[in-house]
Amino acid sequence: MRVVDLIVKKRNGLALTGEEIAALIRGYTAGNVTDYQMAAFCMAVYFQGMDLEETSHLTMTMANSGDTVDLSEIPGIKVDKHSTGGVGDTVSLILGPLVAAAGVPVAKMSGRGLGHTGGTIDKLESIPGFTATLGREEFIKQVNNLHLAVVGQSGNLVPADKKLYALRDVTGTVDSLPLIASSIMSKKIAAGCQAMVLDVKAGSGAFMKNVNDSIKLAETMVSIGKKVGRETVAVVSQMDEPLGNAIGNALEVEEAILTLQGHRPGPLRDLSLLLGAYMLKLGKKVNTLEEGHELLTKLLDSGEVLQKLAQMIEAQGGNPEVINDLSLLPQARWKKEITSWKDGYVKIKDAQNLGLAAMLLGAGRETKESTIDLAVGLKLHQKTGAQVKKGQPLVTLYYNDEDKIPGVLKIIKESLTITEKRIASLPLIHEVITCQGRENPGKLFTLNEHFV
C-alpha cells in the first residue's frame, strides 16, 4: 500500500484498517515514511478525526513500536496513574506510597517536567541521594518488597510516540483528541499496566483549557482502555488554580511530606484519596469506592503512608530522614513576600502563568536540555475565594537569582487579582468517567466542600 493513498483515504474522512495504521506507524518509526508524509497524515486526522477502532489500533501499534515492560513477576493487578499535567500537582508523591501502603503494587515510570508543568522525577531527585535509575531486576525486586518503586522512563519505550509527538509539536497538530489519547494510552500500556486511573486536568493551568474538551478526552481514553482490555477510570479535575500551594521541586516535596504528616488538608489530599480509592478498586483490593477511601484515609492518618515513602526513598539511595527534617531538602538563598495591595477577595486568573513564573525562577525547563534549580519556586498563601486584607501575604518567592525577580513579579501580578465581591471557591472534580459511564463520587460517599 502507498503512503499517499492512506493520507488521501483519511483526508476524505474514511476509516483506516488496523493493517493500514500499523504499516504507516511502523514505516514512520523505521524511517521509511517521511516527516512531510506523516505531517500530512496528522493534519488529516486533526480535521477528520478517528473512530474508536482506528484510535485503538493506533494506540496498540505505538505501544508495541519498541520495548515493553513485563511486570508479570509482580503478583497482583498492576494499576497505574497518569496526569495530563498541571501546576502544583504533587499527587504522585502522595498517591504512590498511599496505594502501596494498602498492598496494591505501584510500579511507576514517570517523566521530567517541561514548560509550566513539573515532573515527578525532578521532584524526587530534590531528595538528597535519591536515584530514579534502577535496573529491571532491581525495579521488580523493590516493588515486590515494598509494593512501590518510581523510576524514570528509559530504554526504547514507545519510540513511535516520541517521534510522532515531536512532529505534531511543530506542525500544529498537538491538540487532536485521537492523537492525544493514543499518545497517553500507548505509554501506559507499554509500561506494563493492566488497569489505569487518569487524572485529566481542565482549566487555565492545563493542556486542555475547556472542561468539555477534557471530558471528551477522558471518554476517548476510557473507551480505548475498554477496547484493548485495560479497565480505565478518568477523573476530570480542575486546573484553573494550582492543585497544591507549592510550585517548584523541593517545595512540592515538602508539601507532599506535610500532607502525609497530616498537616495539610485540602484539594491535594482530597484528590490523592479519590484517585487512590479508584486504584484500589481497579486492583481488586476493595469492592467499593467507599471502602477504598475509608482504608486509605485510615492509613494516611496512621502515619503508615509516610513511612512507606521513607522506605522507598531509602531503597532508591535517598536520605529517609527528609520526612522528619525538611531542611535536608535544597534551600533557596533568598525569599520575597508579595502582599495584597488592597482589601478584597482573591481570584487566580491564570494558573499556567504561575507555573511559568516558577519556571522563570529556574524551577522548570524551557527545553528538554535546560537545567533546573531544585530549590526555587513559589508558595501560594491564598487561593480563589479567600478574603484578604491589605498587606496580607499572597505569594512567597524562593529564588537564587535576583535578576529574575522583576520579570517574575510582573507575571505574578498579572496572574492574581483582588476583587470587591466574594468569589465562589472552585470545584475540584468536574466529572468521573468509567467503563460503565459517568458517575459522581460525591453521591458515593461524603466529601468535603472541595467536591461540588
Protein backbone atom coordinates (compact mmCIF):
# COMPACT_ATOMS: atom_id res chain seq x y z
CA MET A 1 0.00 0.00 0.00
CA ARG A 2 1.22 3.50 -0.79
CA VAL A 3 1.52 6.08 1.99
CA VAL A 4 -0.14 8.74 -0.17
CA ASP A 5 -3.20 6.51 -0.59
CA LEU A 6 -3.58 6.24 3.18
CA ILE A 7 -3.24 10.01 3.56
CA VAL A 8 -5.92 10.61 0.91
CA LYS A 9 -8.19 7.99 2.45
CA LYS A 10 -8.05 9.71 5.84
CA ARG A 11 -8.27 13.17 4.24
CA ASN A 12 -11.55 12.07 2.68
CA GLY A 13 -12.91 11.02 6.06
CA LEU A 14 -12.71 7.27 5.58
CA ALA A 15 -11.63 4.86 8.32
CA LEU A 16 -8.27 3.10 8.06
CA THR A 17 -7.88 -0.58 8.85
CA GLY A 18 -5.61 -1.88 11.57
CA GLU A 19 -3.18 -3.16 8.94
CA GLU A 20 -3.03 0.24 7.25
CA ILE A 21 -2.40 2.08 10.52
CA ALA A 22 0.28 -0.45 11.54
CA ALA A 23 2.05 -0.11 8.19
CA LEU A 24 2.04 3.68 8.46
CA ILE A 25 3.33 3.86 12.05
CA ARG A 26 5.90 1.11 11.65
CA GLY A 27 7.13 2.72 8.43
CA TYR A 28 7.48 6.10 10.13
CA THR A 29 9.30 4.63 13.13
CA ALA A 30 11.72 2.83 10.81
CA GLY A 31 12.32 5.97 8.75
CA ASN A 32 10.61 4.68 5.59
CA VAL A 33 7.77 7.19 5.85
CA THR A 34 8.94 10.79 5.62
CA ASP A 35 8.19 13.62 8.06
CA TYR A 36 6.22 15.53 5.42
CA GLN A 37 4.05 12.49 4.71
CA MET A 38 3.36 11.88 8.39
CA ALA A 39 2.69 15.61 8.89
CA ALA A 40 0.06 15.43 6.15
CA PHE A 41 -1.48 12.37 7.79
CA CYS A 42 -1.61 14.07 11.21
CA MET A 43 -3.31 17.09 9.67
CA ALA A 44 -5.87 14.81 8.01
CA VAL A 45 -6.54 13.21 11.41
CA TYR A 46 -6.77 16.66 13.00
CA PHE A 47 -9.61 17.63 10.67
CA GLN A 48 -11.31 14.25 10.07
CA GLY A 49 -10.71 12.54 13.42
CA MET A 50 -10.58 8.80 14.03
CA ASP A 51 -13.20 6.38 15.24
CA LEU A 52 -12.64 4.20 18.29
CA GLU A 53 -11.47 1.21 16.24
CA GLU A 54 -8.83 3.32 14.48
CA THR A 55 -7.68 5.05 17.67
CA SER A 56 -7.34 1.68 19.44
CA HIS A 57 -5.24 0.28 16.59
CA LEU A 58 -3.07 3.41 16.64
CA THR A 59 -2.61 3.09 20.41
CA MET A 60 -1.53 -0.55 20.33
CA THR A 61 0.73 -0.09 17.30
CA MET A 62 2.58 2.71 19.10
CA ALA A 63 2.67 0.75 22.37
CA ASN A 64 4.37 -2.14 20.57
CA SER A 65 6.73 0.02 18.49
CA GLY A 66 9.66 -0.55 20.86
CA ASP A 67 10.45 -2.10 24.23
CA THR A 68 7.63 -3.06 26.56
CA VAL A 69 7.82 -3.64 30.29
CA ASP A 70 6.92 -7.09 31.59
CA LEU A 71 5.56 -6.85 35.15
CA SER A 72 4.33 -10.45 35.33
CA GLU A 73 6.83 -11.24 38.12
CA ILE A 74 4.94 -8.85 40.38
CA PRO A 75 1.86 -10.51 41.92
CA GLY A 76 -1.48 -8.75 41.71
CA ILE A 77 -3.10 -6.35 39.28
CA LYS A 78 -0.71 -3.56 38.30
CA VAL A 79 -2.64 -0.27 38.34
CA ASP A 80 -1.03 2.92 37.07
CA LYS A 81 -2.00 6.58 37.34
CA HIS A 82 -1.42 9.29 34.80
CA SER A 83 -1.98 13.04 34.97
CA THR A 84 -2.32 15.13 31.84
CA GLY A 85 -0.24 17.78 33.62
CA GLY A 86 -0.85 20.93 35.59
CA VAL A 87 0.60 23.32 38.16
CA GLY A 88 1.37 22.44 41.78
CA ASP A 89 0.29 18.86 41.07
CA THR A 90 2.17 16.75 43.63
CA VAL A 91 -0.32 13.88 43.65
CA SER A 92 2.11 11.16 42.50
CA LEU A 93 4.39 11.74 45.52
CA ILE A 94 1.40 11.12 47.80
CA LEU A 95 -0.52 8.58 45.77
CA GLY A 96 2.34 6.09 45.21
CA PRO A 97 3.06 5.40 48.90
CA LEU A 98 -0.65 5.73 49.72
CA VAL A 99 -1.72 2.91 47.39
CA ALA A 100 1.38 0.81 48.17
CA ALA A 101 0.64 1.02 51.91
CA ALA A 102 -2.72 -0.61 51.13
CA GLY A 103 -0.93 -3.53 49.46
CA VAL A 104 -1.53 -2.70 45.79
CA PRO A 105 1.74 -2.74 43.79
CA VAL A 106 2.82 0.59 42.30
CA ALA A 107 5.47 0.04 39.62
CA LYS A 108 5.64 3.54 38.19
CA MET A 109 7.64 5.03 35.35
CA SER A 110 7.50 8.83 35.40
CA GLY A 111 8.85 11.69 33.35
CA ARG A 112 10.54 15.02 33.88
CA GLY A 113 8.96 18.44 33.77
CA LEU A 114 8.83 20.62 30.69
CA GLY A 115 7.47 24.14 30.43
CA HIS A 116 5.00 25.15 33.14
CA THR A 117 4.31 21.58 34.31
CA GLY A 118 6.51 19.82 36.84
CA GLY A 119 7.88 16.29 36.61
CA THR A 120 7.73 13.63 39.32
CA ILE A 121 11.32 12.52 38.73
CA ASP A 122 12.68 16.06 39.13
CA LYS A 123 10.77 16.42 42.38
CA LEU A 124 12.06 13.14 43.79
CA GLU A 125 15.61 13.97 42.78
CA SER A 126 15.48 17.02 45.06
CA ILE A 127 15.72 14.48 47.92
CA PRO A 128 19.44 14.08 48.74
CA GLY A 129 20.87 10.92 47.18
CA PHE A 130 17.66 9.74 45.50
CA THR A 131 18.13 7.95 42.20
CA ALA A 132 15.40 7.32 39.67
CA THR A 133 17.56 4.86 37.74
CA LEU A 134 17.04 1.19 38.58
CA GLY A 135 17.79 -1.90 36.54
CA ARG A 136 14.86 -4.11 35.62
CA GLU A 137 15.65 -6.74 38.25
CA GLU A 138 16.14 -4.08 40.95
CA PHE A 139 12.88 -2.45 39.93
CA ILE A 140 10.88 -5.69 40.11
CA LYS A 141 12.54 -6.71 43.39
CA GLN A 142 11.79 -3.38 45.04
CA VAL A 143 8.12 -3.45 44.02
CA ASN A 144 7.80 -7.00 45.35
CA ASN A 145 9.44 -5.97 48.65
CA LEU A 146 7.83 -2.56 49.20
CA HIS A 147 4.94 -2.55 46.71
CA LEU A 148 6.47 0.70 45.45
CA ALA A 149 9.14 1.98 43.05
CA VAL A 150 9.23 5.14 40.94
CA VAL A 151 11.78 5.34 38.14
CA GLY A 152 12.45 7.48 35.09
CA GLN A 153 11.45 6.37 31.62
CA SER A 154 14.34 4.59 29.98
CA GLY A 155 15.20 2.38 27.05
CA ASN A 156 13.38 2.31 23.75
CA LEU A 157 9.87 2.74 25.15
CA VAL A 158 7.24 3.81 22.59
CA PRO A 159 9.66 5.29 20.01
CA ALA A 160 6.76 5.86 17.59
CA ASP A 161 5.15 8.27 20.04
CA LYS A 162 8.40 10.14 20.73
CA LYS A 163 8.93 10.69 17.03
CA LEU A 164 5.30 11.46 16.29
CA TYR A 165 4.89 13.90 19.19
CA ALA A 166 7.96 15.88 18.14
CA LEU A 167 6.44 16.19 14.66
CA ARG A 168 2.99 17.19 15.94
CA ASP A 169 4.60 19.84 18.14
CA VAL A 170 5.92 21.72 15.09
CA THR A 171 3.04 21.10 12.67
CA GLY A 172 0.07 22.44 14.63
CA THR A 173 -1.47 19.02 15.26
CA VAL A 174 -0.90 18.57 19.00
CA ASP A 175 -4.49 19.20 20.06
CA SER A 176 -6.16 16.32 18.24
CA LEU A 177 -8.20 14.06 20.54
CA PRO A 178 -7.31 10.71 18.91
CA LEU A 179 -3.62 11.66 18.71
CA ILE A 180 -3.52 12.87 22.34
CA ALA A 181 -5.42 9.85 23.64
CA SER A 182 -3.32 7.29 21.75
CA SER A 183 -0.11 9.02 22.87
CA ILE A 184 -1.03 8.82 26.56
CA MET A 185 -2.52 5.34 26.48
CA SER A 186 0.30 3.80 24.43
CA LYS A 187 2.90 4.85 27.02
CA LYS A 188 0.91 3.43 29.92
CA ILE A 189 0.28 0.14 28.12
CA ALA A 190 3.94 -0.21 27.12
CA ALA A 191 4.92 0.40 30.75
CA GLY A 192 3.10 -2.79 31.74
CA CYS A 193 -0.04 -1.58 33.49
CA GLN A 194 -3.17 -3.74 33.48
CA ALA A 195 -5.55 -1.00 34.62
CA MET A 196 -5.21 2.74 34.94
CA VAL A 197 -6.63 5.81 36.64
CA LEU A 198 -6.31 9.00 34.60
CA ASP A 199 -6.35 12.47 36.12
CA VAL A 200 -7.48 14.64 33.20
CA LYS A 201 -6.95 18.31 34.03
CA ALA A 202 -9.17 21.13 32.79
CA GLY A 203 -8.55 24.85 33.10
CA SER A 204 -6.06 27.65 32.58
CA GLY A 205 -3.15 25.64 34.04
CA ALA A 206 -3.88 22.53 31.98
CA PHE A 207 -3.20 21.45 28.43
CA MET A 208 -6.96 21.28 27.85
CA LYS A 209 -8.43 24.66 28.86
CA ASN A 210 -12.08 23.76 28.30
CA VAL A 211 -13.95 21.35 30.60
CA ASN A 212 -15.98 19.83 27.77
CA ASP A 213 -12.81 19.13 25.77
CA SER A 214 -11.28 17.45 28.82
CA ILE A 215 -14.39 15.29 29.26
CA LYS A 216 -14.21 14.26 25.59
CA LEU A 217 -10.54 13.32 26.02
CA ALA A 218 -11.38 11.36 29.17
CA GLU A 219 -14.19 9.49 27.42
CA THR A 220 -11.92 8.68 24.46
CA MET A 221 -9.18 7.24 26.68
CA VAL A 222 -11.60 5.21 28.78
CA SER A 223 -13.11 3.80 25.58
CA ILE A 224 -9.64 2.90 24.28
CA GLY A 225 -8.84 1.18 27.57
CA LYS A 226 -12.02 -0.86 27.38
CA LYS A 227 -11.37 -1.74 23.74
CA VAL A 228 -7.83 -3.02 24.40
CA GLY A 229 -8.62 -4.82 27.65
CA ARG A 230 -7.33 -2.29 30.22
CA GLU A 231 -10.00 -1.17 32.66
CA THR A 232 -9.71 2.60 32.90
CA VAL A 233 -11.19 5.35 35.04
CA ALA A 234 -10.75 9.03 34.20
CA VAL A 235 -11.26 11.75 36.79
CA VAL A 236 -11.67 15.20 35.24
CA SER A 237 -10.31 17.67 37.80
CA GLN A 238 -9.98 21.45 37.79
CA MET A 239 -6.73 23.23 36.99
CA ASP A 240 -7.89 26.85 36.97
CA GLU A 241 -5.71 27.25 40.03
CA PRO A 242 -2.73 25.18 41.24
CA LEU A 243 -3.74 21.97 42.99
CA GLY A 244 -1.36 22.48 45.91
CA ASN A 245 0.09 25.64 47.36
CA ALA A 246 3.70 24.96 46.34
CA ILE A 247 5.14 25.25 42.82
CA GLY A 248 8.74 24.07 42.47
CA ASN A 249 10.54 20.78 43.01
CA ALA A 250 11.81 20.76 46.62
CA LEU A 251 8.88 22.95 47.69
CA GLU A 252 6.42 20.39 46.31
CA VAL A 253 8.24 17.53 48.03
CA GLU A 254 7.94 19.49 51.27
CA GLU A 255 4.20 19.95 50.69
CA ALA A 256 3.75 16.23 49.94
CA ILE A 257 5.52 15.28 53.17
CA LEU A 258 3.45 17.76 55.19
CA THR A 259 0.32 16.28 53.62
CA LEU A 260 1.41 12.76 54.58
CA GLN A 261 2.14 14.05 58.09
CA GLY A 262 -1.49 15.15 58.29
CA HIS A 263 -0.74 18.87 58.38
CA ARG A 264 -2.23 19.84 55.02
CA PRO A 265 -5.93 19.20 54.47
CA GLY A 266 -7.28 20.43 51.17
CA PRO A 267 -7.60 19.55 47.49
CA LEU A 268 -4.18 17.89 47.16
CA ARG A 269 -5.02 15.37 49.88
CA ASP A 270 -8.62 15.01 48.68
CA LEU A 271 -7.72 14.26 45.07
CA SER A 272 -5.00 11.79 46.14
CA LEU A 273 -7.50 9.88 48.26
CA LEU A 274 -10.09 9.80 45.47
CA LEU A 275 -7.63 8.61 42.80
CA GLY A 276 -6.20 6.10 45.28
CA ALA A 277 -9.65 4.71 46.06
CA TYR A 278 -10.22 4.08 42.35
CA MET A 279 -6.79 2.42 42.09
CA LEU A 280 -7.65 0.09 44.97
CA LYS A 281 -10.95 -0.77 43.34
CA LEU A 282 -9.34 -1.49 39.96
CA GLY A 283 -6.66 -3.52 41.75
CA LYS A 284 -9.40 -5.67 43.37
CA LYS A 285 -8.19 -4.72 46.84
CA VAL A 286 -11.64 -3.38 47.74
CA ASN A 287 -15.10 -3.90 46.33
CA THR A 288 -16.40 -0.35 46.56
CA LEU A 289 -15.05 3.16 46.25
CA GLU A 290 -16.26 3.97 49.76
CA GLU A 291 -14.30 1.04 51.19
CA GLY A 292 -11.14 2.15 49.39
CA HIS A 293 -11.48 5.76 50.53
CA GLU A 294 -12.01 4.69 54.13
CA LEU A 295 -8.99 2.34 54.10
CA LEU A 296 -6.67 4.95 52.58
CA THR A 297 -7.84 7.65 54.98
CA LYS A 298 -7.01 5.41 57.95
CA LEU A 299 -3.59 4.54 56.52
CA LEU A 300 -2.81 8.19 55.85
CA ASP A 301 -3.87 9.32 59.32
CA SER A 302 -1.91 6.49 60.99
CA GLY A 303 1.47 7.56 59.59
CA GLU A 304 1.97 4.30 57.65
CA VAL A 305 1.95 6.09 54.30
CA LEU A 306 4.69 8.49 55.40
CA GLN A 307 6.83 5.53 56.44
CA LYS A 308 6.19 3.86 53.08
CA LEU A 309 7.58 6.97 51.37
CA ALA A 310 10.64 6.83 53.64
CA GLN A 311 11.19 3.16 52.73
CA MET A 312 11.08 3.96 49.02
CA ILE A 313 13.46 6.90 49.43
CA GLU A 314 15.97 4.73 51.33
CA ALA A 315 15.66 1.85 48.85
CA GLN A 316 16.49 4.23 45.99
CA GLY A 317 19.54 5.73 47.65
CA GLY A 318 17.94 8.79 49.24
CA ASN A 319 18.08 10.07 52.80
CA PRO A 320 14.86 8.92 54.53
CA GLU A 321 15.40 11.45 57.33
CA VAL A 322 13.95 14.05 55.00
CA ILE A 323 10.47 13.04 56.22
CA ASN A 324 11.43 14.33 59.69
CA ASP A 325 13.76 17.16 58.71
CA LEU A 326 12.57 19.23 55.75
CA SER A 327 15.69 21.39 55.94
CA LEU A 328 17.56 18.50 54.26
CA LEU A 329 15.82 19.50 51.01
CA PRO A 330 17.57 22.05 48.77
CA GLN A 331 17.06 25.56 50.14
CA ALA A 332 16.87 28.77 48.11
CA ARG A 333 19.21 31.58 49.11
CA TRP A 334 16.52 34.26 49.27
CA LYS A 335 12.80 34.64 49.59
CA LYS A 336 10.45 37.53 48.88
CA GLU A 337 6.87 38.03 50.01
CA ILE A 338 4.19 39.52 47.76
CA THR A 339 1.34 41.04 49.76
CA SER A 340 -2.18 42.11 48.90
CA TRP A 341 -2.39 45.69 47.66
CA LYS A 342 -5.95 46.15 48.97
CA ASP A 343 -8.80 44.53 50.91
CA GLY A 344 -10.97 42.09 48.97
CA TYR A 345 -11.21 38.57 47.63
CA VAL A 346 -8.52 36.65 45.77
CA LYS A 347 -9.03 35.45 42.22
CA ILE A 348 -6.38 33.45 40.34
CA LYS A 349 -6.75 34.50 36.71
CA ASP A 350 -4.14 32.25 35.10
CA ALA A 351 -2.69 29.13 36.73
CA GLN A 352 -0.37 28.47 33.80
CA ASN A 353 1.32 31.83 34.34
CA LEU A 354 2.07 30.87 37.94
CA GLY A 355 3.80 27.76 36.61
CA LEU A 356 5.69 29.92 34.11
CA ALA A 357 6.76 32.23 36.96
CA ALA A 358 8.27 29.25 38.79
CA MET A 359 9.96 28.17 35.54
CA LEU A 360 11.44 31.64 35.11
CA LEU A 361 12.88 31.39 38.62
CA GLY A 362 14.62 28.21 37.44
CA ALA A 363 12.23 25.50 38.67
CA GLY A 364 11.29 24.29 35.17
CA ARG A 365 12.70 23.72 31.70
CA GLU A 366 12.07 25.80 28.62
CA THR A 367 13.60 22.97 26.54
CA LYS A 368 14.46 19.35 27.31
CA GLU A 369 18.14 20.36 27.52
CA SER A 370 17.58 23.08 30.17
CA THR A 371 18.99 22.60 33.66
CA ILE A 372 16.76 23.29 36.65
CA ASP A 373 17.26 24.68 40.15
CA LEU A 374 15.60 22.22 42.53
CA ALA A 375 15.36 24.74 45.39
CA VAL A 376 13.43 27.60 43.77
CA GLY A 377 9.76 28.23 43.17
CA LEU A 378 6.85 29.84 44.93
CA LYS A 379 4.23 29.22 47.58
CA LEU A 380 0.66 30.48 47.40
CA HIS A 381 -0.81 31.63 50.71
CA GLN A 382 -4.28 32.28 49.32
CA LYS A 383 -6.39 30.80 46.55
CA THR A 384 -9.52 31.84 44.68
CA GLY A 385 -12.32 32.90 47.03
CA ALA A 386 -10.11 33.73 50.03
CA GLN A 387 -10.78 37.02 51.80
CA VAL A 388 -7.65 39.13 52.40
CA LYS A 389 -6.70 42.41 53.98
CA LYS A 390 -4.25 44.92 52.52
CA GLY A 391 -0.71 43.84 53.39
CA GLN A 392 -1.66 40.17 53.92
CA PRO A 393 0.77 37.69 52.25
CA LEU A 394 -0.37 36.29 48.88
CA VAL A 395 2.74 34.60 47.49
CA THR A 396 6.28 33.92 48.66
CA LEU A 397 9.03 33.61 46.06
CA TYR A 398 12.07 31.38 46.70
CA TYR A 399 14.99 32.27 44.45
CA ASN A 400 18.74 32.17 43.84
CA ASP A 401 18.98 34.74 41.04
CA GLU A 402 17.92 38.31 41.86
CA ASP A 403 17.95 39.33 38.20
CA LYS A 404 14.90 37.15 37.55
CA ILE A 405 12.67 38.82 40.16
CA PRO A 406 11.33 41.83 38.16
CA GLY A 407 10.02 39.57 35.39
CA VAL A 408 8.53 37.13 37.89
CA LEU A 409 6.81 39.90 39.85
CA LYS A 410 5.20 41.14 36.64
CA ILE A 411 3.86 37.64 35.84
CA ILE A 412 2.55 37.10 39.38
CA LYS A 413 0.67 40.39 39.44
CA GLU A 414 -0.87 39.62 36.06
CA SER A 415 -1.98 36.20 37.34
CA LEU A 416 -3.76 37.35 40.50
CA THR A 417 -6.40 39.96 41.16
CA ILE A 418 -8.25 41.23 44.23
CA THR A 419 -11.98 41.76 43.71
CA GLU A 420 -14.55 43.56 45.82
CA LYS A 421 -17.18 40.82 45.55
CA ARG A 422 -16.87 37.37 47.06
CA ILE A 423 -15.94 34.67 44.55
CA ALA A 424 -17.06 31.07 44.95
CA SER A 425 -14.31 28.52 45.55
CA LEU A 426 -13.56 26.35 42.54
CA PRO A 427 -14.91 22.77 42.35
CA LEU A 428 -12.19 20.13 42.45
CA ILE A 429 -13.95 17.44 40.39
CA HIS A 430 -15.90 18.11 37.19
CA GLU A 431 -16.66 14.53 36.14
CA VAL A 432 -15.66 10.90 36.59
CA ILE A 433 -15.75 8.61 33.55
CA THR A 434 -15.65 4.83 33.95
CA CYS A 435 -16.11 1.93 31.56
CA GLN A 436 -19.71 1.82 32.80
CA GLY A 437 -20.34 5.52 32.14
CA ARG A 438 -20.27 8.73 34.14
CA GLU A 439 -20.53 8.79 37.91
CA ASN A 440 -20.44 11.41 40.63
CA PRO A 441 -18.18 10.37 43.52
CA GLY A 442 -19.95 12.87 45.76
CA LYS A 443 -23.01 10.61 45.64
CA LEU A 444 -20.98 7.60 46.73
CA PHE A 445 -19.52 8.89 49.98
CA THR A 446 -19.25 12.12 51.96
CA LEU A 447 -16.63 14.50 50.58
CA ASN A 448 -15.62 17.93 51.81
CA GLU A 449 -16.53 21.23 50.21
CA HIS A 450 -13.88 20.91 47.52
CA PHE A 451 -16.15 18.44 45.69
CA VAL A 452 -19.26 20.01 44.18
